[in-house]
C-alpha atoms as a PDB file:
ATOM      1  CA  MET A   1      -1.185  20.579  -3.222  1.00  0.00           C
ATOM      2  CA  THR A   2      -2.655  17.752  -5.301  1.00  0.00           C
ATOM      3  CA  GLY A   3      -5.349  15.645  -3.659  1.00  0.00           C
ATOM      4  CA  LEU A   4      -5.084  11.876  -3.387  1.00  0.00           C
ATOM      5  CA  THR A   5      -7.794  11.097  -5.910  1.00  0.00           C
ATOM      6  CA  GLN A   6      -6.496  13.660  -8.375  1.00  0.00           C
ATOM      7  CA  ALA A   7      -2.957  12.311  -8.050  1.00  0.00           C
ATOM      8  CA  LEU A   8      -3.902   8.652  -8.536  1.00  0.00           C
ATOM      9  CA  ARG A   9      -6.515   9.037 -11.302  1.00  0.00           C
ATOM     10  CA  ILE A  10      -8.101   5.647 -10.622  1.00  0.00           C
ATOM     11  CA  THR A  11     -10.702   4.632 -13.197  1.00  0.00           C
ATOM     12  CA  ARG A  12     -13.537   2.871 -11.403  1.00  0.00           C
ATOM     13  CA  PRO A  13     -14.641   0.197 -10.790  1.00  0.00           C
ATOM     14  CA  ALA A  14     -11.216  -0.882  -9.579  1.00  0.00           C
ATOM     15  CA  THR A  15      -9.334  -3.094  -7.188  1.00  0.00           C
ATOM     16  CA  VAL A  16      -6.307  -1.351  -5.654  1.00  0.00           C
ATOM     17  CA  ALA A  17      -3.693  -3.321  -3.711  1.00  0.00           C
ATOM     18  CA  LEU A  18      -1.304  -1.732  -1.212  1.00  0.00           C
ATOM     19  CA  VAL A  19       2.092  -3.346  -0.603  1.00  0.00           C
ATOM     20  CA  GLY A  20       5.366  -2.433   1.091  1.00  0.00           C
ATOM     21  CA  ALA A  21       5.713  -0.576   4.378  1.00  0.00           C
ATOM     22  CA  GLY A  22       5.433   2.790   6.018  1.00  0.00           C
ATOM     23  CA  GLY A  23       1.732   3.649   5.967  1.00  0.00           C
ATOM     24  CA  LYS A  24      -0.448   1.135   4.090  1.00  0.00           C
ATOM     25  CA  THR A  25      -3.333   1.112   6.565  1.00  0.00           C
ATOM     26  CA  THR A  26      -3.316   4.898   6.903  1.00  0.00           C
ATOM     27  CA  LEU A  27      -3.307   5.359   3.134  1.00  0.00           C
ATOM     28  CA  MET A  28      -6.107   2.829   2.723  1.00  0.00           C
ATOM     29  CA  GLY A  29      -8.254   4.796   5.173  1.00  0.00           C
ATOM     30  CA  LEU A  30      -7.540   8.117   3.484  1.00  0.00           C
ATOM     31  CA  LEU A  31      -8.397   6.693   0.065  1.00  0.00           C
ATOM     32  CA  ALA A  32     -11.600   5.177   1.420  1.00  0.00           C
ATOM     33  CA  ARG A  33     -12.716   8.519   2.852  1.00  0.00           C
ATOM     34  CA  ALA A  34     -11.793  10.442  -0.285  1.00  0.00           C
ATOM     35  CA  TYR A  35     -13.663   8.158  -2.685  1.00  0.00           C
ATOM     36  CA  ALA A  36     -16.655   7.697  -0.398  1.00  0.00           C
ATOM     37  CA  ALA A  37     -16.950  11.489  -0.300  1.00  0.00           C
ATOM     38  CA  GLN A  38     -17.330  11.317  -4.088  1.00  0.00           C
ATOM     39  CA  GLY A  39     -20.251   8.922  -3.697  1.00  0.00           C
ATOM     40  CA  CYS A  40     -18.372   5.658  -4.311  1.00  0.00           C
ATOM     41  CA  ARG A  41     -19.268   2.354  -2.698  1.00  0.00           C
ATOM     42  CA  VAL A  42     -15.950   1.455  -1.052  1.00  0.00           C
ATOM     43  CA  LEU A  43     -14.736  -1.851   0.377  1.00  0.00           C
ATOM     44  CA  MET A  44     -11.647  -2.109   2.577  1.00  0.00           C
ATOM     45  CA  THR A  45     -10.230  -5.572   3.153  1.00  0.00           C
ATOM     46  CA  THR A  46      -6.999  -7.567   3.305  1.00  0.00           C
ATOM     47  CA  THR A  47      -5.342 -10.742   2.095  1.00  0.00           C
ATOM     48  CA  THR A  48      -3.145 -10.801   5.212  1.00  0.00           C
ATOM     49  CA  ALA A  49      -4.387  -9.324   8.499  1.00  0.00           C
ATOM     50  CA  LEU A  50      -5.604  -6.021   9.911  1.00  0.00           C
ATOM     51  CA  TRP A  51      -5.941  -4.550  13.355  1.00  0.00           C
ATOM     52  CA  HIS A  52      -9.368  -5.227  14.763  1.00  0.00           C
ATOM     53  CA  PRO A  53     -11.508  -2.063  14.566  1.00  0.00           C
ATOM     54  CA  ALA A  54     -11.563  -1.983  18.363  1.00  0.00           C
ATOM     55  CA  HIS A  55      -7.794  -1.390  18.278  1.00  0.00           C
ATOM     56  CA  ALA A  56      -7.516   0.914  15.264  1.00  0.00           C
ATOM     57  CA  ARG A  57      -9.378   3.828  13.743  1.00  0.00           C
ATOM     58  CA  TYR A  58     -10.970   2.851  10.450  1.00  0.00           C
ATOM     59  CA  PRO A  59     -13.320   5.165   8.561  1.00  0.00           C
ATOM     60  CA  ALA A  60     -15.823   2.327   8.104  1.00  0.00           C
ATOM     61  CA  HIS A  61     -19.584   2.721   8.255  1.00  0.00           C
ATOM     62  CA  ARG A  62     -20.006  -1.016   8.758  1.00  0.00           C
ATOM     63  CA  PHE A  63     -17.785  -3.956   9.704  1.00  0.00           C
ATOM     64  CA  ILE A  64     -18.662  -7.296   8.083  1.00  0.00           C
ATOM     65  CA  THR A  65     -17.129 -10.526   9.378  1.00  0.00           C
ATOM     66  CA  ASN A  66     -17.463 -13.879   7.656  1.00  0.00           C
ATOM     67  CA  GLY A  67     -20.307 -12.596   5.526  1.00  0.00           C
ATOM     68  CA  GLU A  68     -21.143 -11.171   2.114  1.00  0.00           C
ATOM     69  CA  PRO A  69     -19.948  -7.546   2.180  1.00  0.00           C
ATOM     70  CA  GLY A  70     -21.637  -6.607  -1.089  1.00  0.00           C
ATOM     71  CA  LYS A  71     -25.152  -6.914   0.280  1.00  0.00           C
ATOM     72  CA  ALA A  72     -26.681  -3.524   1.059  1.00  0.00           C
ATOM     73  CA  ALA A  73     -23.641  -1.552  -0.141  1.00  0.00           C
ATOM     74  CA  VAL A  74     -24.736   2.008  -0.871  1.00  0.00           C
ATOM     75  CA  ALA A  75     -23.217   5.117  -2.421  1.00  0.00           C
ATOM     76  CA  GLY A  76     -20.873   7.019  -0.145  1.00  0.00           C
ATOM     77  CA  GLN A  77     -20.531   4.119   2.275  1.00  0.00           C
ATOM     78  CA  ILE A  78     -17.319   2.382   3.436  1.00  0.00           C
ATOM     79  CA  THR A  79     -17.451  -1.313   4.291  1.00  0.00           C
ATOM     80  CA  LEU A  80     -14.646  -3.088   6.188  1.00  0.00           C
ATOM     81  CA  ALA A  81     -14.604  -6.866   5.614  1.00  0.00           C
ATOM     82  CA  ALA A  82     -12.471  -9.465   7.372  1.00  0.00           C
ATOM     83  CA  GLN A  83     -12.675 -12.856   9.005  1.00  0.00           C
ATOM     84  CA  HIS A  84     -13.142 -12.642  12.751  1.00  0.00           C
ATOM     85  CA  SER A  85     -10.212 -14.158  14.624  1.00  0.00           C
ATOM     86  CA  GLY A  86     -12.009 -14.954  17.878  1.00  0.00           C
ATOM     87  CA  ALA A  87     -12.891 -13.171  21.100  1.00  0.00           C
ATOM     88  CA  GLY A  88     -10.211 -10.809  22.321  1.00  0.00           C
ATOM     89  CA  SER A  89      -8.187 -10.895  19.088  1.00  0.00           C
ATOM     90  CA  ILE A  90      -6.347  -7.690  18.302  1.00  0.00           C
ATOM     91  CA  LYS A  91      -6.200  -8.572  14.597  1.00  0.00           C
ATOM     92  CA  VAL A  92      -8.677  -9.913  12.078  1.00  0.00           C
ATOM     93  CA  LYS A  93      -7.772 -12.258   9.247  1.00  0.00           C
ATOM     94  CA  GLY A  94      -8.054 -11.551   5.576  1.00  0.00           C
ATOM     95  CA  TYR A  95      -9.429 -13.432   2.611  1.00  0.00           C
ATOM     96  CA  ALA A  96      -7.871 -15.422  -0.199  1.00  0.00           C
ATOM     97  CA  PRO A  97      -7.263 -13.190  -3.235  1.00  0.00           C
ATOM     98  CA  GLN A  98      -9.678 -15.290  -5.292  1.00  0.00           C
ATOM     99  CA  VAL A  99     -12.485 -14.332  -2.904  1.00  0.00           C
ATOM    100  CA  ILE A 100     -11.759 -10.651  -3.408  1.00  0.00           C
ATOM    101  CA  ASP A 101     -11.718 -11.142  -7.187  1.00  0.00           C
ATOM    102  CA  THR A 102     -15.177 -12.707  -6.881  1.00  0.00           C
ATOM    103  CA  TRP A 103     -16.443  -9.650  -4.991  1.00  0.00           C
ATOM    104  CA  ARG A 104     -15.060  -7.448  -7.761  1.00  0.00           C
ATOM    105  CA  ASP A 105     -16.899  -9.493 -10.379  1.00  0.00           C
ATOM    106  CA  GLN A 106     -20.185  -9.165  -8.456  1.00  0.00           C
ATOM    107  CA  GLY A 107     -20.076  -5.404  -9.063  1.00  0.00           C
ATOM    108  CA  HIS A 108     -21.345  -4.253  -5.668  1.00  0.00           C
ATOM    109  CA  PHE A 109     -18.414  -1.889  -5.088  1.00  0.00           C
ATOM    110  CA  ASP A 110     -16.892   0.937  -7.103  1.00  0.00           C
ATOM    111  CA  LEU A 111     -13.566   0.652  -5.309  1.00  0.00           C
ATOM    112  CA  ILE A 112     -11.996  -2.284  -3.466  1.00  0.00           C
ATOM    113  CA  LEU A 113      -8.933  -1.393  -1.382  1.00  0.00           C
ATOM    114  CA  VAL A 114      -6.774  -4.358  -0.359  1.00  0.00           C
ATOM    115  CA  GLU A 115      -3.955  -4.345   2.159  1.00  0.00           C
ATOM    116  CA  ALA A 116      -1.927  -7.107   0.513  1.00  0.00           C
ATOM    117  CA  ASP A 117       1.241  -7.074   2.618  1.00  0.00           C
ATOM    118  CA  GLY A 118       2.384  -6.903   6.224  1.00  0.00           C
ATOM    119  CA  ALA A 119       5.228  -4.839   7.688  1.00  0.00           C
ATOM    120  CA  ARG A 120       4.757  -4.765  11.479  1.00  0.00           C
ATOM    121  CA  GLY A 121       5.019  -0.998  11.574  1.00  0.00           C
ATOM    122  CA  ARG A 122       8.473  -0.770   9.996  1.00  0.00           C
ATOM    123  CA  ALA A 123       9.440   1.911   7.481  1.00  0.00           C
ATOM    124  CA  VAL A 124      10.503  -0.476   4.701  1.00  0.00           C
ATOM    125  CA  LYS A 125      10.327  -4.156   3.906  1.00  0.00           C
ATOM    126  CA  ALA A 126      11.188  -6.767   1.314  1.00  0.00           C
ATOM    127  CA  PRO A 127       8.732  -9.601   0.740  1.00  0.00           C
ATOM    128  CA  ALA A 128       9.152 -13.164   1.914  1.00  0.00           C
ATOM    129  CA  THR A 129       8.549 -16.023  -0.515  1.00  0.00           C
ATOM    130  CA  HIS A 130       4.796 -16.052   0.246  1.00  0.00           C
ATOM    131  CA  GLU A 131       4.377 -12.257   0.003  1.00  0.00           C
ATOM    132  CA  PRO A 132       2.704 -10.081  -1.082  1.00  0.00           C
ATOM    133  CA  VAL A 133      -0.697 -11.679  -1.650  1.00  0.00           C
ATOM    134  CA  VAL A 134      -2.151  -9.641  -4.508  1.00  0.00           C
ATOM    135  CA  PRO A 135      -5.536 -10.316  -6.136  1.00  0.00           C
ATOM    136  CA  ALA A 136      -5.223 -11.135  -9.831  1.00  0.00           C
ATOM    137  CA  GLY A 137      -7.829  -8.487 -10.629  1.00  0.00           C
ATOM    138  CA  ALA A 138      -5.926  -5.567  -9.092  1.00  0.00           C
ATOM    139  CA  ILE A 139      -5.447  -2.812 -11.658  1.00  0.00           C
ATOM    140  CA  VAL A 140      -3.400  -0.468  -9.448  1.00  0.00           C
ATOM    141  CA  ILE A 141      -0.595  -1.517  -7.093  1.00  0.00           C
ATOM    142  CA  ILE A 142       0.645   1.143  -4.679  1.00  0.00           C
ATOM    143  CA  GLY A 143       4.055   0.285  -3.222  1.00  0.00           C
ATOM    144  CA  LEU A 144       4.879   2.222  -0.057  1.00  0.00           C
ATOM    145  CA  ILE A 145       8.310   3.148   1.277  1.00  0.00           C
ATOM    146  CA  GLY A 146       8.878   5.152   4.448  1.00  0.00           C
ATOM    147  CA  LEU A 147      11.525   7.823   3.895  1.00  0.00           C
ATOM    148  CA  GLN A 148      12.483   7.600   7.569  1.00  0.00           C
ATOM    149  CA  ALA A 149      14.485   4.494   6.654  1.00  0.00           C
ATOM    150  CA  LEU A 150      16.808   6.452   4.382  1.00  0.00           C
ATOM    151  CA  HIS A 151      20.334   6.607   5.891  1.00  0.00           C
ATOM    152  CA  GLN A 152      19.313   4.317   8.753  1.00  0.00           C
ATOM    153  CA  PRO A 153      21.015   0.959   9.418  1.00  0.00           C
ATOM    154  CA  LEU A 154      19.658  -2.237   7.919  1.00  0.00           C
ATOM    155  CA  THR A 155      18.280  -3.640  11.153  1.00  0.00           C
ATOM    156  CA  GLU A 156      14.936  -4.889  12.429  1.00  0.00           C
ATOM    157  CA  THR A 157      14.319  -1.460  13.956  1.00  0.00           C
ATOM    158  CA  TRP A 158      13.762  -0.010  10.496  1.00  0.00           C
ATOM    159  CA  VAL A 159      13.252  -2.977   8.182  1.00  0.00           C
ATOM    160  CA  HIS A 160      10.704  -5.770   8.203  1.00  0.00           C
ATOM    161  CA  ARG A 161      12.397  -8.947   6.959  1.00  0.00           C
ATOM    162  CA  PRO A 162      15.947  -7.521   6.929  1.00  0.00           C
ATOM    163  CA  ALA A 163      17.458 -10.722   5.512  1.00  0.00           C
ATOM    164  CA  ALA A 164      15.130 -10.519   2.511  1.00  0.00           C
ATOM    165  CA  PHE A 165      15.901  -6.803   2.160  1.00  0.00           C
ATOM    166  CA  ALA A 166      19.626  -7.629   2.100  1.00  0.00           C
ATOM    167  CA  ARG A 167      19.095 -10.233  -0.645  1.00  0.00           C
ATOM    168  CA  VAL A 168      17.074  -7.836  -2.786  1.00  0.00           C
ATOM    169  CA  THR A 169      19.316  -4.792  -2.410  1.00  0.00           C
ATOM    170  CA  GLY A 170      22.781  -6.315  -1.901  1.00  0.00           C
ATOM    171  CA  LEU A 171      23.304  -4.386   1.332  1.00  0.00           C
ATOM    172  CA  ALA A 172      25.054  -6.040   4.247  1.00  0.00           C
ATOM    173  CA  ALA A 173      23.317  -6.325   7.599  1.00  0.00           C
ATOM    174  CA  GLY A 174      23.799  -3.096   9.556  1.00  0.00           C
ATOM    175  CA  ALA A 175      24.828  -1.072   6.495  1.00  0.00           C
ATOM    176  CA  LYS A 176      23.176   2.288   5.934  1.00  0.00           C
ATOM    177  CA  ILE A 177      20.127   2.206   3.691  1.00  0.00           C
ATOM    178  CA  ASP A 178      20.906   4.531   0.792  1.00  0.00           C
ATOM    179  CA  SER A 179      18.958   5.683  -2.253  1.00  0.00           C
ATOM    180  CA  ALA A 180      20.542   3.011  -4.444  1.00  0.00           C
ATOM    181  CA  ALA A 181      19.150   0.306  -2.149  1.00  0.00           C
ATOM    182  CA  LEU A 182      15.639   1.755  -2.284  1.00  0.00           C
ATOM    183  CA  VAL A 183      15.798   2.045  -6.070  1.00  0.00           C
ATOM    184  CA  GLU A 184      16.798  -1.622  -6.225  1.00  0.00           C
ATOM    185  CA  LEU A 185      13.921  -2.509  -3.882  1.00  0.00           C
ATOM    186  CA  VAL A 186      11.485  -0.824  -6.285  1.00  0.00           C
ATOM    187  CA  HIS A 187      12.791  -2.491  -9.440  1.00  0.00           C
ATOM    188  CA  ALA A 188      13.894  -5.950  -8.335  1.00  0.00           C
ATOM    189  CA  PRO A 189      11.633  -8.804  -9.517  1.00  0.00           C
ATOM    190  CA  ILE A 190      11.538 -10.035  -5.898  1.00  0.00           C
ATOM    191  CA  GLY A 191      11.204  -6.537  -4.487  1.00  0.00           C
ATOM    192  CA  LEU A 192       8.404  -4.074  -3.840  1.00  0.00           C
ATOM    193  CA  PHE A 193       6.188  -5.064  -6.783  1.00  0.00           C
ATOM    194  CA  LYS A 194       6.686  -8.813  -6.561  1.00  0.00           C
ATOM    195  CA  ASN A 195       3.530 -10.707  -7.622  1.00  0.00           C
ATOM    196  CA  ALA A 196       1.989  -7.621  -9.241  1.00  0.00           C
ATOM    197  CA  PRO A 197      -0.409  -8.600 -12.057  1.00  0.00           C
ATOM    198  CA  ALA A 198       0.963  -7.775 -15.500  1.00  0.00           C
ATOM    199  CA  GLN A 199      -1.896  -5.372 -16.290  1.00  0.00           C
ATOM    200  CA  ALA A 200      -1.581  -3.354 -13.081  1.00  0.00           C
ATOM    201  CA  ARG A 201      -0.337   0.214 -12.927  1.00  0.00           C
ATOM    202  CA  ARG A 202       2.600   0.474 -10.516  1.00  0.00           C
ATOM    203  CA  VAL A 203       2.706   3.543  -8.281  1.00  0.00           C
ATOM    204  CA  VAL A 204       5.392   4.229  -5.670  1.00  0.00           C
ATOM    205  CA  PHE A 205       4.324   6.217  -2.607  1.00  0.00           C
ATOM    206  CA  LEU A 206       7.242   7.724  -0.695  1.00  0.00           C
ATOM    207  CA  ASN A 207       5.708   8.456   2.693  1.00  0.00           C
ATOM    208  CA  GLN A 208       7.071  10.350   5.704  1.00  0.00           C
ATOM    209  CA  ALA A 209       8.083  13.390   3.668  1.00  0.00           C
ATOM    210  CA  ASP A 210       7.392  15.590   6.684  1.00  0.00           C
ATOM    211  CA  THR A 211       9.861  18.436   6.041  1.00  0.00           C
ATOM    212  CA  PRO A 212      11.116  20.367   2.994  1.00  0.00           C
ATOM    213  CA  ASP A 213      14.362  18.366   3.191  1.00  0.00           C
ATOM    214  CA  ASP A 214      12.370  15.123   3.180  1.00  0.00           C
ATOM    215  CA  ILE A 215      10.444  16.267   0.114  1.00  0.00           C
ATOM    216  CA  ALA A 216      13.695  17.155  -1.666  1.00  0.00           C
ATOM    217  CA  GLN A 217      15.122  13.726  -0.840  1.00  0.00           C
ATOM    218  CA  GLY A 218      11.925  12.147  -2.119  1.00  0.00           C
ATOM    219  CA  ARG A 219      12.224  14.013  -5.421  1.00  0.00           C
ATOM    220  CA  GLN A 220      15.835  12.907  -5.819  1.00  0.00           C
ATOM    221  CA  LEU A 221      14.844   9.320  -5.110  1.00  0.00           C
ATOM    222  CA  ALA A 222      11.975   9.549  -7.614  1.00  0.00           C
ATOM    223  CA  HIS A 223      14.350  10.706 -10.331  1.00  0.00           C
ATOM    224  CA  ARG A 224      16.689   7.796  -9.599  1.00  0.00           C
ATOM    225  CA  ILE A 225      13.773   5.366  -9.745  1.00  0.00           C
ATOM    226  CA  TYR A 226      12.815   6.622 -13.196  1.00  0.00           C
ATOM    227  CA  ARG A 227      16.396   6.632 -14.512  1.00  0.00           C
ATOM    228  CA  LYS A 228      17.119   3.000 -13.709  1.00  0.00           C
ATOM    229  CA  PRO A 229      16.682   0.751 -16.765  1.00  0.00           C
ATOM    230  CA  SER A 230      14.263  -1.967 -15.699  1.00  0.00           C
ATOM    231  CA  PRO A 231      11.390  -4.115 -16.992  1.00  0.00           C
ATOM    232  CA  THR A 232       9.433  -2.934 -13.934  1.00  0.00           C
ATOM    233  CA  ARG A 233       7.735   0.149 -15.356  1.00  0.00           C
ATOM    234  CA  ILE A 234       6.866   2.666 -12.668  1.00  0.00           C
ATOM    235  CA  GLU A 235       4.095   4.965 -13.821  1.00  0.00           C
ATOM    236  CA  GLN A 236       4.146   7.432 -10.927  1.00  0.00           C
ATOM    237  CA  VAL A 237       6.009   8.350  -7.784  1.00  0.00           C
ATOM    238  CA  LEU A 238       3.983  10.188  -5.155  1.00  0.00           C
ATOM    239  CA  ILE A 239       5.785  11.969  -2.337  1.00  0.00           C
ATOM    240  CA  GLY A 240       3.758  12.668   0.743  1.00  0.00           C
ATOM    241  CA  SER A 241       3.135  12.798   4.447  1.00  0.00           C
ATOM    242  CA  LEU A 242       0.131  10.693   5.403  1.00  0.00           C
ATOM    243  CA  ASN A 243      -0.139  12.329   8.814  1.00  0.00           C
ATOM    244  CA  ASP A 244      -0.730  15.708   7.156  1.00  0.00           C
ATOM    245  CA  PRO A 245      -4.278  16.858   6.304  1.00  0.00           C
ATOM    246  CA  ASP A 246      -2.915  17.646   2.814  1.00  0.00           C
ATOM    247  CA  PRO A 247      -0.863  14.460   2.283  1.00  0.00           C
ATOM    248  CA  ILE A 248       0.413  14.783  -1.290  1.00  0.00           C
ATOM    249  CA  LYS A 249       3.521  16.968  -1.418  1.00  0.00           C
ATOM    250  CA  ALA A 250       4.766  16.192  -4.925  1.00  0.00           C
ATOM    251  CA  VAL A 251       3.828  14.059  -7.917  1.00  0.00           C
ATOM    252  CA  ASP A 252       6.603  12.851 -10.205  1.00  0.00           C
ATOM    253  CA  LYS A 253       5.673  11.218 -13.503  1.00  0.00           C
ATOM    254  CA  ARG A 254       7.608   9.720 -16.345  1.00  0.00           C
END
């Protein structure tokens, strides 16, 4: 299987934003570990909100709140930065995208990973008017879709912001989510890659490919994504299972 870093081919220094649903936080942690193991200075942060480290497992060597995360960053180290939300909070707040762009310009980190969207644990989502919140300096945008949503009904059980998802895809509430709907989600101007900077590479990550049948469905979906005429140019579709020690199951390119 292809490793995460080999599949993504990120030229560093870089800011990478994760949007969509179905595994953003998990993928951010895996990327942080993989690049730190290569000796990179890695920053994990958000423009929305994250679980407080006391309530989630992050691979961070240090947790910086309301401070300057670039100070004392060293090779092979992972820094988690957020704004503390008060005693007893289960989530920590993120930063304005302009702040993260400033950190990039300071040059303290080789890789900045930004969770730029929220999904409340659902498999898929469509963005609201204020989402996603992507730093202007992001050069890679990874849009996640959970394959578990395929063939499931368009309800809040599977979809975060189902009304927005219906507007983007044309599906009626309660209708089964098919491949055509997910292709539309990827390519629509108000869909998965909404607010992506013009210079950014767009990568789709189809997560939850846990069985051979899931992988086959992911490949079929990838081919449909590439075939659709659209100004939204998708460079890569990765098919994987983020709960697997070897998460990348297939890499489809143009």
